[in-house]
Amino acid sequence: MKKYKGVVFFDYDGTTVDEVDEIKTATPTTVESLNKLKENGYLTMLCSGRTHRFLEMDIDKFMGAITCNGSHTEVEGEVIRDICIPDELVFQVVNEYFPRDTIIHFETRDISYYLHMDEEFFKNHCKLFNLPQRWYAPWKFRTKNTHISKLVMNYKDIQVKKDFEEEFKDVFTCAKHVRENFIDITLKGVTKGDAITELIEKLGIDKKDTYAFGDADNDVEMMQAVGTGIAMGRHSEKVGEVASMVTGTVKEEGITMALKKLGLI
């Protein structure tokens, strides 16, 4: 595999883009900085809870990506990691929690599958968030060899979340979405940080030459896995506790600001 001087990891929501300031794709300044990093010998990696499909607006601006909170890793077209949730676990979750007024989607690299009775919900979901309907498909179209990397559960009753986390505490890791009653569900021990550690070991890169930008709780492990963690201008308390430095918001071009301060570009 190609040799790199170091690696810089970038969270997506709240870091590369920002819903608060209505910045929906990476800014021209950020893209220019990514290109400079590449010219300077650094590998640029998106590192997101989203699937590959949900990053299609920007993923090609990076040299690789860690997606589904660490379940899948690709570098310059080569798959490094592909961890899937076994079907028997998927069916157990559906059988136990679908009757409890939840909506579950099943995330793969390219498509999010849903149960046929939830079709109306997903049509409205796409309209509400202006998402292409081609990103979603009924479960009946899923083939056996299509890996489920992550589950996402929408719940109405907070007790459902508590019960799920308790029942599956030894099996799954759950991360709550900031603004909605959704949880991301991945296999226990699968995190952004775990995927980063595996990648930099495979590349033979010293931890001191690795950097990560993030803002939310699911970025904590990512920050701890690298030499320098950079918190965006708006960030969670937990991220603030583990970050090495704080930069500006996306609107303030916080990524470029920090890269210049660190002497990487």
Protein backbone atom coordinates (compact mmCIF):
# COMPACT_ATOMS: atom_id res chain seq x y z
CA MET A 1 0.00 0.00 0.00
CA LYS A 2 1.09 3.57 -0.74
CA LYS A 3 3.16 5.41 1.88
CA TYR A 4 1.77 8.60 3.42
CA LYS A 5 3.36 11.23 5.65
CA GLY A 6 0.32 11.10 7.92
CA VAL A 7 -3.48 10.92 7.96
CA VAL A 8 -6.12 13.55 8.64
CA PHE A 9 -9.62 12.34 9.53
CA PHE A 10 -12.73 14.50 9.14
CA ASP A 11 -16.14 13.96 10.68
CA TYR A 12 -18.93 15.06 8.33
CA ASP A 13 -22.00 16.55 10.03
CA GLY A 14 -21.03 19.60 12.06
CA THR A 15 -17.44 19.41 10.81
CA THR A 16 -17.25 19.26 7.01
CA VAL A 17 -20.84 20.49 6.60
CA ASP A 18 -23.06 22.31 9.06
CA GLU A 19 -26.85 22.13 9.23
CA VAL A 20 -26.98 25.06 11.68
CA ASP A 21 -25.41 27.45 9.17
CA GLU A 22 -27.01 25.67 6.17
CA ILE A 23 -23.67 24.58 4.68
CA LYS A 24 -24.67 21.43 2.80
CA THR A 25 -21.41 20.48 1.07
CA ALA A 26 -17.71 21.02 1.74
CA THR A 27 -16.79 24.66 1.12
CA PRO A 28 -14.41 25.59 -1.73
CA THR A 29 -11.85 26.60 0.90
CA THR A 30 -12.08 23.20 2.57
CA VAL A 31 -11.73 21.41 -0.78
CA GLU A 32 -8.64 23.51 -1.57
CA SER A 33 -7.16 22.56 1.82
CA LEU A 34 -7.85 18.86 1.16
CA ASN A 35 -5.99 19.11 -2.13
CA LYS A 36 -3.05 20.81 -0.42
CA LEU A 37 -2.93 18.05 2.20
CA LYS A 38 -2.77 15.47 -0.57
CA GLU A 39 0.01 17.40 -2.33
CA ASN A 40 1.90 17.48 0.98
CA GLY A 41 1.74 13.69 1.32
CA TYR A 42 -1.19 13.31 3.72
CA LEU A 43 -4.06 10.86 3.34
CA THR A 44 -7.43 12.60 3.73
CA MET A 45 -10.23 10.47 5.19
CA LEU A 46 -13.89 11.19 5.83
CA CYS A 47 -14.90 9.54 9.10
CA SER A 48 -18.66 9.50 9.53
CA GLY A 49 -21.61 7.70 11.02
CA ARG A 50 -23.23 7.96 7.61
CA THR A 51 -23.09 5.28 4.94
CA HIS A 52 -21.14 5.74 1.69
CA ARG A 53 -24.38 6.62 -0.16
CA PHE A 54 -25.31 9.34 2.32
CA LEU A 55 -21.94 11.00 1.69
CA GLU A 56 -22.13 11.03 -2.09
CA MET A 57 -22.14 14.85 -2.25
CA ASP A 58 -18.57 15.04 -0.91
CA ILE A 59 -16.97 11.61 -0.57
CA ASP A 60 -15.01 11.92 -3.83
CA LYS A 61 -13.27 15.02 -2.49
CA PHE A 62 -11.43 12.78 -0.01
CA MET A 63 -8.96 9.97 -0.65
CA GLY A 64 -10.95 7.50 1.41
CA ALA A 65 -13.63 7.09 4.05
CA ILE A 66 -14.52 5.33 7.27
CA THR A 67 -18.30 4.99 7.29
CA CYS A 68 -21.10 3.61 9.50
CA ASN A 69 -19.27 4.69 12.67
CA GLY A 70 -16.30 2.45 11.86
CA SER A 71 -17.95 -0.56 10.21
CA HIS A 72 -16.50 0.05 6.74
CA THR A 73 -13.16 1.50 5.56
CA GLU A 74 -12.05 2.25 2.00
CA VAL A 75 -8.78 3.90 0.94
CA GLU A 76 -8.32 4.99 -2.67
CA GLY A 77 -10.75 2.31 -3.87
CA GLU A 78 -9.41 -0.52 -1.69
CA VAL A 79 -11.68 -2.01 0.99
CA ILE A 80 -9.75 -2.29 4.27
CA ARG A 81 -12.63 -3.18 6.62
CA ASP A 82 -16.16 -4.49 6.12
CA ILE A 83 -17.85 -5.53 9.36
CA CYS A 84 -21.47 -6.62 9.11
CA ILE A 85 -24.25 -7.40 11.59
CA PRO A 86 -25.24 -11.10 11.31
CA ASP A 87 -28.75 -11.70 9.98
CA GLU A 88 -29.80 -13.61 13.10
CA LEU A 89 -29.12 -10.48 15.20
CA VAL A 90 -30.95 -8.28 12.68
CA PHE A 91 -34.02 -10.53 12.85
CA GLN A 92 -33.89 -10.64 16.66
CA VAL A 93 -33.99 -6.83 16.83
CA VAL A 94 -36.89 -6.69 14.37
CA ASN A 95 -38.90 -9.40 16.11
CA GLU A 96 -38.50 -7.84 19.55
CA TYR A 97 -38.62 -4.12 18.79
CA PHE A 98 -40.74 -3.64 15.68
CA PRO A 99 -43.90 -4.43 17.72
CA ARG A 100 -42.93 -1.62 20.13
CA ASP A 101 -43.85 1.16 17.69
CA THR A 102 -40.38 1.64 16.25
CA ILE A 103 -39.18 2.19 12.70
CA ILE A 104 -35.94 0.44 11.79
CA HIS A 105 -33.75 0.92 8.78
CA PHE A 106 -30.95 -1.37 7.72
CA GLU A 107 -27.88 0.41 6.42
CA THR A 108 -25.60 -1.03 3.74
CA ARG A 109 -22.85 0.72 1.81
CA ASP A 110 -25.21 1.88 -0.94
CA ILE A 111 -28.84 1.40 0.14
CA SER A 112 -30.91 1.78 3.30
CA TYR A 113 -33.53 -0.95 3.48
CA TYR A 114 -36.82 -0.68 5.35
CA LEU A 115 -39.73 -2.97 6.17
CA HIS A 116 -42.57 -2.72 3.64
CA MET A 117 -45.07 -1.38 6.21
CA ASP A 118 -42.82 1.66 6.78
CA GLU A 119 -42.83 2.80 3.16
CA GLU A 120 -44.99 5.87 3.84
CA PHE A 121 -42.67 6.98 6.66
CA PHE A 122 -39.64 6.88 4.38
CA LYS A 123 -41.40 8.73 1.57
CA ASN A 124 -42.19 11.52 4.03
CA HIS A 125 -38.67 11.28 5.52
CA CYS A 126 -37.14 11.86 2.08
CA LYS A 127 -39.43 14.84 1.47
CA LEU A 128 -38.74 16.37 4.87
CA PHE A 129 -34.94 16.13 4.57
CA ASN A 130 -34.80 16.54 0.78
CA LEU A 131 -33.21 13.11 0.28
CA PRO A 132 -33.32 11.10 -2.97
CA GLN A 133 -35.76 8.19 -2.68
CA ARG A 134 -33.24 6.01 -4.57
CA TRP A 135 -31.23 5.89 -1.34
CA TYR A 136 -34.00 3.74 0.19
CA ALA A 137 -35.58 0.43 -0.81
CA PRO A 138 -37.97 -2.14 0.73
CA TRP A 139 -36.33 -5.07 2.51
CA LYS A 140 -37.65 -7.53 -0.09
CA PHE A 141 -35.07 -6.18 -2.57
CA ARG A 142 -32.13 -6.93 -0.29
CA THR A 143 -29.97 -9.87 -1.42
CA LYS A 144 -28.42 -12.31 1.04
CA ASN A 145 -24.84 -11.17 0.38
CA THR A 146 -25.63 -7.47 0.97
CA HIS A 147 -23.96 -6.65 4.28
CA ILE A 148 -25.89 -4.75 6.95
CA SER A 149 -23.29 -2.45 8.51
CA LYS A 150 -25.54 -0.48 10.83
CA LEU A 151 -29.13 -0.33 12.11
CA VAL A 152 -30.96 2.91 12.78
CA MET A 153 -33.97 2.83 15.09
CA ASN A 154 -36.58 5.55 15.46
CA TYR A 155 -38.51 5.28 18.73
CA LYS A 156 -41.37 7.23 20.28
CA ASP A 157 -41.01 6.02 23.87
CA ILE A 158 -37.66 6.69 25.59
CA GLN A 159 -38.14 3.42 27.50
CA VAL A 160 -37.65 1.54 24.23
CA LYS A 161 -34.17 3.04 23.89
CA LYS A 162 -33.33 2.23 27.51
CA ASP A 163 -34.58 -1.35 27.18
CA PHE A 164 -32.69 -1.90 23.95
CA GLU A 165 -29.41 -0.55 25.33
CA GLU A 166 -29.73 -2.72 28.44
CA GLU A 167 -30.70 -5.91 26.58
CA PHE A 168 -27.96 -5.61 23.98
CA LYS A 169 -25.25 -3.91 26.04
CA ASP A 170 -22.83 -6.78 25.39
CA VAL A 171 -23.65 -6.96 21.67
CA PHE A 172 -24.24 -3.47 20.29
CA THR A 173 -22.94 0.08 20.66
CA CYS A 174 -25.64 2.75 20.43
CA ALA A 175 -25.19 6.42 19.52
CA LYS A 176 -28.14 8.81 19.78
CA HIS A 177 -28.72 11.40 17.07
CA VAL A 178 -28.52 14.95 18.38
CA ARG A 179 -31.92 16.33 17.37
CA GLU A 180 -34.24 13.34 16.84
CA ASN A 181 -35.29 10.13 18.59
CA PHE A 182 -32.97 8.00 16.46
CA ILE A 183 -30.13 5.74 17.56
CA ASP A 184 -27.32 4.35 15.41
CA ILE A 185 -26.67 0.70 16.25
CA THR A 186 -23.35 -0.99 15.42
CA LEU A 187 -21.67 -4.11 16.75
CA LYS A 188 -19.99 -3.73 20.15
CA GLY A 189 -16.46 -2.40 19.89
CA VAL A 190 -16.96 -1.04 16.38
CA THR A 191 -16.20 2.68 16.57
CA LYS A 192 -14.52 5.36 14.51
CA GLY A 193 -11.54 5.10 16.85
CA ASP A 194 -11.24 1.33 16.45
CA ALA A 195 -11.30 1.68 12.65
CA ILE A 196 -8.68 4.45 12.75
CA THR A 197 -6.33 2.39 14.92
CA GLU A 198 -6.61 -0.54 12.53
CA LEU A 199 -5.97 1.68 9.50
CA ILE A 200 -2.92 3.55 10.79
CA GLU A 201 -1.35 0.27 11.94
CA LYS A 202 -1.91 -1.20 8.48
CA LEU A 203 -0.38 1.91 6.87
CA GLY A 204 2.56 1.93 9.30
CA ILE A 205 1.93 5.53 10.33
CA ASP A 206 2.99 6.84 13.74
CA LYS A 207 0.08 8.05 15.87
CA LYS A 208 1.77 11.44 16.29
CA ASP A 209 1.29 12.02 12.55
CA THR A 210 -2.47 11.55 12.69
CA TYR A 211 -5.13 14.23 13.17
CA ALA A 212 -8.92 14.27 13.51
CA PHE A 213 -11.60 16.96 13.28
CA GLY A 214 -14.92 16.40 15.05
CA ASP A 215 -17.74 17.90 17.06
CA ALA A 216 -20.07 15.25 18.54
CA ASP A 217 -19.98 12.48 21.14
CA ASN A 218 -19.44 9.75 18.54
CA ASP A 219 -16.17 11.51 17.66
CA VAL A 220 -14.64 10.96 21.11
CA GLU A 221 -13.03 7.61 20.24
CA MET A 222 -11.78 9.13 16.99
CA MET A 223 -10.08 11.95 18.90
CA GLN A 224 -8.50 9.49 21.32
CA ALA A 225 -7.16 7.30 18.50
CA VAL A 226 -5.09 10.05 16.87
CA GLY A 227 -2.16 12.21 17.88
CA THR A 228 -4.04 15.52 17.63
CA GLY A 229 -7.79 15.91 18.00
CA ILE A 230 -9.34 19.18 16.83
CA ALA A 231 -12.77 20.22 18.10
CA MET A 232 -14.87 22.42 15.83
CA GLY A 233 -16.17 25.77 17.11
CA ARG A 234 -19.48 24.15 18.08
CA HIS A 235 -18.78 20.88 19.84
CA SER A 236 -20.12 18.63 22.59
CA GLU A 237 -18.78 18.73 26.13
CA LYS A 238 -17.24 15.25 25.75
CA VAL A 239 -15.35 16.25 22.61
CA GLY A 240 -14.08 19.37 24.34
CA GLU A 241 -12.66 17.20 27.13
CA VAL A 242 -10.55 15.01 24.81
CA ALA A 243 -9.58 17.47 22.04
CA SER A 244 -6.04 18.83 21.83
CA MET A 245 -7.21 22.14 20.38
CA VAL A 246 -10.34 24.03 19.33
CA THR A 247 -10.84 25.73 15.99
CA GLY A 248 -13.64 27.75 14.35
CA THR A 249 -16.98 26.58 12.99
CA VAL A 250 -17.51 25.34 9.43
CA LYS A 251 -18.75 28.81 8.48
CA GLU A 252 -15.55 30.30 9.91
CA GLU A 253 -13.47 27.81 7.85
CA GLY A 254 -12.33 26.09 11.03
CA ILE A 255 -10.73 23.19 9.16
CA THR A 256 -8.43 25.39 7.10
CA MET A 257 -7.69 27.61 10.09
CA ALA A 258 -6.46 24.63 12.14
CA LEU A 259 -4.51 22.98 9.30
CA LYS A 260 -2.57 26.21 8.77
CA LYS A 261 -1.94 26.57 12.51
CA LEU A 262 -0.61 23.01 12.62
CA GLY A 263 1.62 23.66 9.60
CA LEU A 264 0.04 20.88 7.54
CA ILE A 265 -0.80 23.15 4.59
